[in-house]
Amino acid sequence: QVQLVESGGGLVQAGGSLRLSCAASRSIFSIKAMGWYRQAPGKQRELVAAITGGGGTNYADSVKGRFTIFRDDAKNTVYLRMNSLKPEDTAVYLCNAVIVSGAGEYEYWGQGTQVTVSS
């Protein structure tokens, strides 16, 4: 089990940058994967970026080249650096962790942090 706490959201102008943090309550070294999702009003939750335990990453096409996901295992934290923000990036950003335990996989979610990009 793990608790996830996001921070770093806020209001920023288009073209600006933010860095989101997701602090885990336990070591993330052995977590299968962690990711950032976002959900805008009236839209489905979508994967923004993910990073595996081995360091592999994948990104939504809409954020490639602008967002970077990275991890600091010593701080049990995963980050999302967001550059060149656009109004369409406005959403609640949620941290996700997938943990393998026994024969199953379990997903955990944070409460989310609001990102608002003004035009």
C-alpha atoms as a PDB file:
ATOM      1  CA  GLN A   1       0.000   0.000   0.000  1.00  0.00           C
ATOM      2  CA  VAL A   2       1.115   3.590  -0.603  1.00  0.00           C
ATOM      3  CA  GLN A   3      -0.230   7.085  -0.052  1.00  0.00           C
ATOM      4  CA  LEU A   4       0.468   9.668  -2.727  1.00  0.00           C
ATOM      5  CA  VAL A   5       0.467  13.416  -2.181  1.00  0.00           C
ATOM      6  CA  GLU A   6       0.680  15.815  -5.110  1.00  0.00           C
ATOM      7  CA  SER A   7       1.843  19.397  -5.006  1.00  0.00           C
ATOM      8  CA  GLY A   8       3.058  22.129  -7.311  1.00  0.00           C
ATOM      9  CA  GLY A   9      -0.089  23.032  -9.183  1.00  0.00           C
ATOM     10  CA  GLY A  10      -1.275  26.582  -9.649  1.00  0.00           C
ATOM     11  CA  LEU A  11      -2.194  29.318 -12.065  1.00  0.00           C
ATOM     12  CA  VAL A  12       0.242  30.124 -14.851  1.00  0.00           C
ATOM     13  CA  GLN A  13       0.122  32.046 -18.110  1.00  0.00           C
ATOM     14  CA  ALA A  14       0.346  30.287 -21.437  1.00  0.00           C
ATOM     15  CA  GLY A  15       3.959  29.569 -22.287  1.00  0.00           C
ATOM     16  CA  GLY A  16       4.894  29.272 -18.642  1.00  0.00           C
ATOM     17  CA  SER A  17       6.212  26.334 -16.646  1.00  0.00           C
ATOM     18  CA  LEU A  18       5.312  24.346 -13.563  1.00  0.00           C
ATOM     19  CA  ARG A  19       6.809  21.381 -11.781  1.00  0.00           C
ATOM     20  CA  LEU A  20       4.477  18.929 -10.092  1.00  0.00           C
ATOM     21  CA  SER A  21       5.637  16.620  -7.321  1.00  0.00           C
ATOM     22  CA  CYS A  22       4.170  13.324  -6.146  1.00  0.00           C
ATOM     23  CA  ALA A  23       5.507  12.233  -2.782  1.00  0.00           C
ATOM     24  CA  ALA A  24       4.990   8.590  -1.861  1.00  0.00           C
ATOM     25  CA  SER A  25       4.670   7.282   1.676  1.00  0.00           C
ATOM     26  CA  ARG A  26       7.087   4.443   1.018  1.00  0.00           C
ATOM     27  CA  SER A  27      10.017   3.628  -1.176  1.00  0.00           C
ATOM     28  CA  ILE A  28       9.204   3.851  -4.870  1.00  0.00           C
ATOM     29  CA  PHE A  29      12.211   1.773  -5.839  1.00  0.00           C
ATOM     30  CA  SER A  30      10.171  -1.410  -6.257  1.00  0.00           C
ATOM     31  CA  ILE A  31       6.966   0.171  -7.571  1.00  0.00           C
ATOM     32  CA  LYS A  32       6.124  -1.193 -11.014  1.00  0.00           C
ATOM     33  CA  ALA A  33       5.180   2.154 -12.503  1.00  0.00           C
ATOM     34  CA  MET A  34       4.132   5.651 -11.552  1.00  0.00           C
ATOM     35  CA  GLY A  35       2.344   8.122 -13.690  1.00  0.00           C
ATOM     36  CA  TRP A  36       0.573  11.422 -14.015  1.00  0.00           C
ATOM     37  CA  TYR A  37      -2.970  11.590 -15.293  1.00  0.00           C
ATOM     38  CA  ARG A  38      -5.171  14.592 -15.800  1.00  0.00           C
ATOM     39  CA  GLN A  39      -8.870  15.230 -15.879  1.00  0.00           C
ATOM     40  CA  ALA A  40     -10.495  18.351 -17.232  1.00  0.00           C
ATOM     41  CA  PRO A  41     -14.147  19.228 -16.593  1.00  0.00           C
ATOM     42  CA  GLY A  42     -16.417  17.162 -18.788  1.00  0.00           C
ATOM     43  CA  LYS A  43     -13.564  15.043 -20.133  1.00  0.00           C
ATOM     44  CA  GLN A  44     -12.253  11.595 -19.405  1.00  0.00           C
ATOM     45  CA  ARG A  45      -9.181  11.053 -17.330  1.00  0.00           C
ATOM     46  CA  GLU A  46      -6.152  10.657 -19.571  1.00  0.00           C
ATOM     47  CA  LEU A  47      -2.603   9.483 -19.105  1.00  0.00           C
ATOM     48  CA  VAL A  48      -0.105  12.318 -19.388  1.00  0.00           C
ATOM     49  CA  ALA A  49       3.172  10.564 -18.618  1.00  0.00           C
ATOM     50  CA  ALA A  50       4.413   7.424 -16.918  1.00  0.00           C
ATOM     51  CA  ILE A  51       7.711   6.038 -15.694  1.00  0.00           C
ATOM     52  CA  THR A  52       8.482   2.414 -14.919  1.00  0.00           C
ATOM     53  CA  GLY A  53      10.645   0.986 -12.186  1.00  0.00           C
ATOM     54  CA  GLY A  54      13.354   0.536 -14.779  1.00  0.00           C
ATOM     55  CA  GLY A  55      13.183   4.183 -15.805  1.00  0.00           C
ATOM     56  CA  GLY A  56      11.326   3.772 -19.069  1.00  0.00           C
ATOM     57  CA  THR A  57       8.955   6.594 -19.905  1.00  0.00           C
ATOM     58  CA  ASN A  58       6.005   7.245 -22.158  1.00  0.00           C
ATOM     59  CA  TYR A  59       4.021  10.377 -22.882  1.00  0.00           C
ATOM     60  CA  ALA A  60       0.740  11.416 -24.369  1.00  0.00           C
ATOM     61  CA  ASP A  61       1.259  12.795 -27.867  1.00  0.00           C
ATOM     62  CA  SER A  62      -0.163  16.136 -26.770  1.00  0.00           C
ATOM     63  CA  VAL A  63       2.657  16.710 -24.257  1.00  0.00           C
ATOM     64  CA  LYS A  64       5.657  15.160 -25.992  1.00  0.00           C
ATOM     65  CA  GLY A  65       8.536  17.585 -26.134  1.00  0.00           C
ATOM     66  CA  ARG A  66       6.980  19.834 -23.481  1.00  0.00           C
ATOM     67  CA  PHE A  67       6.603  17.631 -20.393  1.00  0.00           C
ATOM     68  CA  THR A  68       9.200  15.469 -18.660  1.00  0.00           C
ATOM     69  CA  ILE A  69       8.569  12.846 -16.000  1.00  0.00           C
ATOM     70  CA  PHE A  70      11.416  11.857 -13.722  1.00  0.00           C
ATOM     71  CA  ARG A  71      11.928  10.270 -10.332  1.00  0.00           C
ATOM     72  CA  ASP A  72      14.110  10.705  -7.284  1.00  0.00           C
ATOM     73  CA  ASP A  73      14.156   7.378  -5.468  1.00  0.00           C
ATOM     74  CA  ALA A  74      16.029   8.856  -2.511  1.00  0.00           C
ATOM     75  CA  LYS A  75      13.112  11.226  -1.903  1.00  0.00           C
ATOM     76  CA  ASN A  76      10.375   8.723  -2.858  1.00  0.00           C
ATOM     77  CA  THR A  77       9.100  11.342  -5.284  1.00  0.00           C
ATOM     78  CA  VAL A  78       8.097  11.483  -8.921  1.00  0.00           C
ATOM     79  CA  TYR A  79       8.036  14.802 -10.726  1.00  0.00           C
ATOM     80  CA  LEU A  80       6.394  16.200 -13.822  1.00  0.00           C
ATOM     81  CA  ARG A  81       8.128  19.184 -15.366  1.00  0.00           C
ATOM     82  CA  MET A  82       5.757  21.047 -17.634  1.00  0.00           C
ATOM     83  CA  ASN A  83       7.064  23.639 -20.079  1.00  0.00           C
ATOM     84  CA  SER A  84       5.354  25.694 -22.772  1.00  0.00           C
ATOM     85  CA  LEU A  85       2.015  25.266 -21.055  1.00  0.00           C
ATOM     86  CA  LYS A  86      -1.154  25.790 -23.065  1.00  0.00           C
ATOM     87  CA  PRO A  87      -4.693  26.592 -21.940  1.00  0.00           C
ATOM     88  CA  GLU A  88      -5.716  23.079 -22.985  1.00  0.00           C
ATOM     89  CA  ASP A  89      -3.370  21.698 -20.322  1.00  0.00           C
ATOM     90  CA  THR A  90      -5.761  23.037 -17.688  1.00  0.00           C
ATOM     91  CA  ALA A  91      -6.939  20.117 -15.550  1.00  0.00           C
ATOM     92  CA  VAL A  92      -6.628  18.367 -12.221  1.00  0.00           C
ATOM     93  CA  TYR A  93      -3.411  16.377 -12.333  1.00  0.00           C
ATOM     94  CA  LEU A  94      -3.387  13.106 -10.420  1.00  0.00           C
ATOM     95  CA  CYS A  95      -0.513  10.875  -9.434  1.00  0.00           C
ATOM     96  CA  ASN A  96      -0.870   7.134  -9.898  1.00  0.00           C
ATOM     97  CA  ALA A  97       1.163   4.155  -8.699  1.00  0.00           C
ATOM     98  CA  VAL A  98       0.931   0.521  -9.772  1.00  0.00           C
ATOM     99  CA  ILE A  99       2.232  -1.962  -7.230  1.00  0.00           C
ATOM    100  CA  VAL A 100       2.664  -5.671  -7.684  1.00  0.00           C
ATOM    101  CA  SER A 101       1.811  -7.647  -4.574  1.00  0.00           C
ATOM    102  CA  GLY A 102       1.474 -11.397  -4.550  1.00  0.00           C
ATOM    103  CA  ALA A 103      -0.434 -12.435  -7.623  1.00  0.00           C
ATOM    104  CA  GLY A 104      -2.065  -9.100  -8.251  1.00  0.00           C
ATOM    105  CA  GLU A 105      -1.495  -5.529  -9.312  1.00  0.00           C
ATOM    106  CA  TYR A 106      -2.939  -2.680  -7.353  1.00  0.00           C
ATOM    107  CA  GLU A 107      -3.459   0.943  -8.329  1.00  0.00           C
ATOM    108  CA  TYR A 108      -3.249   3.882  -5.977  1.00  0.00           C
ATOM    109  CA  TRP A 109      -4.207   7.509  -6.579  1.00  0.00           C
ATOM    110  CA  GLY A 110      -3.440  10.834  -5.030  1.00  0.00           C
ATOM    111  CA  GLN A 111      -6.022  13.547  -4.457  1.00  0.00           C
ATOM    112  CA  GLY A 112      -4.843  15.669  -7.353  1.00  0.00           C
ATOM    113  CA  THR A 113      -3.501  19.159  -7.860  1.00  0.00           C
ATOM    114  CA  GLN A 114      -5.148  21.824 -10.002  1.00  0.00           C
ATOM    115  CA  VAL A 115      -3.257  23.301 -12.937  1.00  0.00           C
ATOM    116  CA  THR A 116      -4.818  26.312 -14.631  1.00  0.00           C
ATOM    117  CA  VAL A 117      -3.233  27.888 -17.712  1.00  0.00           C
ATOM    118  CA  SER A 118      -4.553  31.281 -18.732  1.00  0.00           C
ATOM    119  CA  SER A 119      -4.405  32.552 -22.301  1.00  0.00           C
END
